[in-house]
Amino acid sequence: MIEKTFMLIENLMQRPNMVVGPDTGFKSIRAFLVGYLQGLGQALNIDIHKKISTWFQKKVNQDSSLFWSEHITRHCENLPENERTIFFLQTVENFFVDNSDLL
């Protein structure tokens, strides 16, 4: 399962039109990935959103009540949109690298 998730993230970075269609802006990619992870978490009976939130808060040494995707977004909000997208996707990829036993 983790290999498929890594492939999906790679496709979102390299060929986003193939995954999300013509609107490949940051918000569309973020919404798609949040939905994908929601489904993945439900299928595996894991609160994946909470795990990502906790992991990211530790990574940046900052507590937050924000949903993980919003916390990451605010963390990179000064970057241009394409760099923000890459940062977001790489952050999620790093979560799965650090938590490879999760899937």
C-alpha atoms as a PDB file:
ATOM      1  CA  MET A   1       0.000   0.000   0.000  1.00  0.00           C
ATOM      2  CA  ILE A   2       2.803   2.417   0.831  1.00  0.00           C
ATOM      3  CA  GLU A   3       4.333   1.992  -2.624  1.00  0.00           C
ATOM      4  CA  LYS A   4       1.031   3.021  -4.214  1.00  0.00           C
ATOM      5  CA  THR A   5       0.871   6.084  -1.971  1.00  0.00           C
ATOM      6  CA  PHE A   6       4.428   7.048  -2.959  1.00  0.00           C
ATOM      7  CA  MET A   7       3.510   6.561  -6.639  1.00  0.00           C
ATOM      8  CA  LEU A   8       0.461   8.786  -6.194  1.00  0.00           C
ATOM      9  CA  ILE A   9       2.535  11.545  -4.585  1.00  0.00           C
ATOM     10  CA  GLU A  10       5.125  11.254  -7.362  1.00  0.00           C
ATOM     11  CA  ASN A  11       2.371  11.520  -9.989  1.00  0.00           C
ATOM     12  CA  LEU A  12       0.965  14.586  -8.226  1.00  0.00           C
ATOM     13  CA  MET A  13       4.413  16.169  -8.449  1.00  0.00           C
ATOM     14  CA  GLN A  14       5.271  15.132 -12.001  1.00  0.00           C
ATOM     15  CA  ARG A  15       1.906  14.759 -13.781  1.00  0.00           C
ATOM     16  CA  PRO A  16      -0.801  16.421 -11.694  1.00  0.00           C
ATOM     17  CA  ASN A  17      -3.226  16.659 -14.653  1.00  0.00           C
ATOM     18  CA  MET A  18      -3.295  12.875 -14.805  1.00  0.00           C
ATOM     19  CA  VAL A  19      -4.529  12.740 -11.207  1.00  0.00           C
ATOM     20  CA  VAL A  20      -6.635  15.840 -10.515  1.00  0.00           C
ATOM     21  CA  GLY A  21      -7.608  17.010 -13.982  1.00  0.00           C
ATOM     22  CA  PRO A  22      -7.130  20.453 -15.486  1.00  0.00           C
ATOM     23  CA  ASP A  23      -7.075  22.457 -12.227  1.00  0.00           C
ATOM     24  CA  THR A  24      -3.641  21.617 -10.842  1.00  0.00           C
ATOM     25  CA  GLY A  25      -3.383  24.518  -8.429  1.00  0.00           C
ATOM     26  CA  PHE A  26      -2.190  24.081  -4.880  1.00  0.00           C
ATOM     27  CA  LYS A  27      -5.708  24.059  -3.395  1.00  0.00           C
ATOM     28  CA  SER A  28      -6.899  21.339  -5.780  1.00  0.00           C
ATOM     29  CA  ILE A  29      -3.923  19.110  -5.109  1.00  0.00           C
ATOM     30  CA  ARG A  30      -4.205  19.668  -1.366  1.00  0.00           C
ATOM     31  CA  ALA A  31      -7.942  18.857  -1.393  1.00  0.00           C
ATOM     32  CA  PHE A  32      -7.361  15.727  -3.460  1.00  0.00           C
ATOM     33  CA  LEU A  33      -4.622  14.444  -1.153  1.00  0.00           C
ATOM     34  CA  VAL A  34      -6.610  15.192   2.015  1.00  0.00           C
ATOM     35  CA  GLY A  35      -9.538  13.219   0.567  1.00  0.00           C
ATOM     36  CA  TYR A  36      -7.279  10.360  -0.517  1.00  0.00           C
ATOM     37  CA  LEU A  37      -5.781  10.128   2.960  1.00  0.00           C
ATOM     38  CA  GLN A  38      -9.241  10.275   4.552  1.00  0.00           C
ATOM     39  CA  GLY A  39     -10.306   7.283   2.492  1.00  0.00           C
ATOM     40  CA  LEU A  40      -7.057   5.463   3.189  1.00  0.00           C
ATOM     41  CA  GLY A  41      -7.426   6.045   6.905  1.00  0.00           C
ATOM     42  CA  GLN A  42     -11.000   4.793   6.898  1.00  0.00           C
ATOM     43  CA  ALA A  43     -10.094   1.714   4.879  1.00  0.00           C
ATOM     44  CA  LEU A  44      -7.268   0.853   7.284  1.00  0.00           C
ATOM     45  CA  ASN A  45      -9.093   2.012  10.419  1.00  0.00           C
ATOM     46  CA  ILE A  46      -6.340   4.548  11.217  1.00  0.00           C
ATOM     47  CA  ASP A  47      -6.810   8.162  12.277  1.00  0.00           C
ATOM     48  CA  ILE A  48      -4.229   9.211   9.723  1.00  0.00           C
ATOM     49  CA  HIS A  49      -5.053  12.906   9.972  1.00  0.00           C
ATOM     50  CA  LYS A  50      -4.269  12.930  13.690  1.00  0.00           C
ATOM     51  CA  LYS A  51      -1.032  11.021  13.098  1.00  0.00           C
ATOM     52  CA  ILE A  52       0.102  13.493  10.431  1.00  0.00           C
ATOM     53  CA  SER A  53      -0.814  16.441  12.668  1.00  0.00           C
ATOM     54  CA  THR A  54       1.164  15.059  15.595  1.00  0.00           C
ATOM     55  CA  TRP A  55       4.135  14.168  13.372  1.00  0.00           C
ATOM     56  CA  PHE A  56       4.247  17.611  11.716  1.00  0.00           C
ATOM     57  CA  GLN A  57       3.929  19.460  15.020  1.00  0.00           C
ATOM     58  CA  LYS A  58       6.951  17.553  16.307  1.00  0.00           C
ATOM     59  CA  LYS A  59       8.863  18.206  13.064  1.00  0.00           C
ATOM     60  CA  VAL A  60       8.428  21.972  13.299  1.00  0.00           C
ATOM     61  CA  ASN A  61       8.401  22.062  17.108  1.00  0.00           C
ATOM     62  CA  GLN A  62       5.112  23.922  17.165  1.00  0.00           C
ATOM     63  CA  ASP A  63       1.790  22.930  18.708  1.00  0.00           C
ATOM     64  CA  SER A  64      -1.274  23.788  16.686  1.00  0.00           C
ATOM     65  CA  SER A  65      -4.997  23.215  16.781  1.00  0.00           C
ATOM     66  CA  LEU A  66      -5.114  23.557  12.987  1.00  0.00           C
ATOM     67  CA  PHE A  67      -5.937  20.626  10.759  1.00  0.00           C
ATOM     68  CA  TRP A  68      -2.618  19.214   9.514  1.00  0.00           C
ATOM     69  CA  SER A  69      -3.083  20.379   5.921  1.00  0.00           C
ATOM     70  CA  GLU A  70      -3.770  23.941   7.056  1.00  0.00           C
ATOM     71  CA  HIS A  71      -0.816  23.866   9.451  1.00  0.00           C
ATOM     72  CA  ILE A  72       1.520  22.792   6.624  1.00  0.00           C
ATOM     73  CA  THR A  73      -0.037  25.385   4.312  1.00  0.00           C
ATOM     74  CA  ARG A  74       0.592  28.182   6.780  1.00  0.00           C
ATOM     75  CA  HIS A  75       4.112  26.929   7.347  1.00  0.00           C
ATOM     76  CA  CYS A  76       4.934  27.449   3.651  1.00  0.00           C
ATOM     77  CA  GLU A  77       2.525  30.266   2.776  1.00  0.00           C
ATOM     78  CA  ASN A  78       5.286  32.660   1.648  1.00  0.00           C
ATOM     79  CA  LEU A  79       6.486  30.316  -1.088  1.00  0.00           C
ATOM     80  CA  PRO A  80       5.286  30.639  -4.697  1.00  0.00           C
ATOM     81  CA  GLU A  81       2.386  28.313  -5.493  1.00  0.00           C
ATOM     82  CA  ASN A  82       4.430  25.676  -7.334  1.00  0.00           C
ATOM     83  CA  GLU A  83       7.006  25.524  -4.509  1.00  0.00           C
ATOM     84  CA  ARG A  84       4.222  25.385  -1.925  1.00  0.00           C
ATOM     85  CA  THR A  85       2.728  22.404  -3.754  1.00  0.00           C
ATOM     86  CA  ILE A  86       6.064  20.586  -3.811  1.00  0.00           C
ATOM     87  CA  PHE A  87       6.696  21.393  -0.132  1.00  0.00           C
ATOM     88  CA  PHE A  88       3.242  20.073   0.783  1.00  0.00           C
ATOM     89  CA  LEU A  89       3.654  16.854  -1.201  1.00  0.00           C
ATOM     90  CA  GLN A  90       7.198  16.267   0.067  1.00  0.00           C
ATOM     91  CA  THR A  91       6.020  16.802   3.631  1.00  0.00           C
ATOM     92  CA  VAL A  92       3.329  14.130   3.233  1.00  0.00           C
ATOM     93  CA  GLU A  93       5.852  11.838   1.551  1.00  0.00           C
ATOM     94  CA  ASN A  94       8.278  12.377   4.458  1.00  0.00           C
ATOM     95  CA  PHE A  95       5.510  11.444   6.888  1.00  0.00           C
ATOM     96  CA  PHE A  96       5.143   8.082   5.176  1.00  0.00           C
ATOM     97  CA  VAL A  97       8.910   7.568   5.049  1.00  0.00           C
ATOM     98  CA  ASP A  98       9.086   8.183   8.792  1.00  0.00           C
ATOM     99  CA  ASN A  99       5.997   6.023   9.424  1.00  0.00           C
ATOM    100  CA  SER A 100       6.462   3.246   6.882  1.00  0.00           C
ATOM    101  CA  ASP A 101       5.031   0.688   9.305  1.00  0.00           C
ATOM    102  CA  LEU A 102       1.695   2.508   9.271  1.00  0.00           C
ATOM    103  CA  LEU A 103       0.489   1.068   5.954  1.00  0.00           C
END
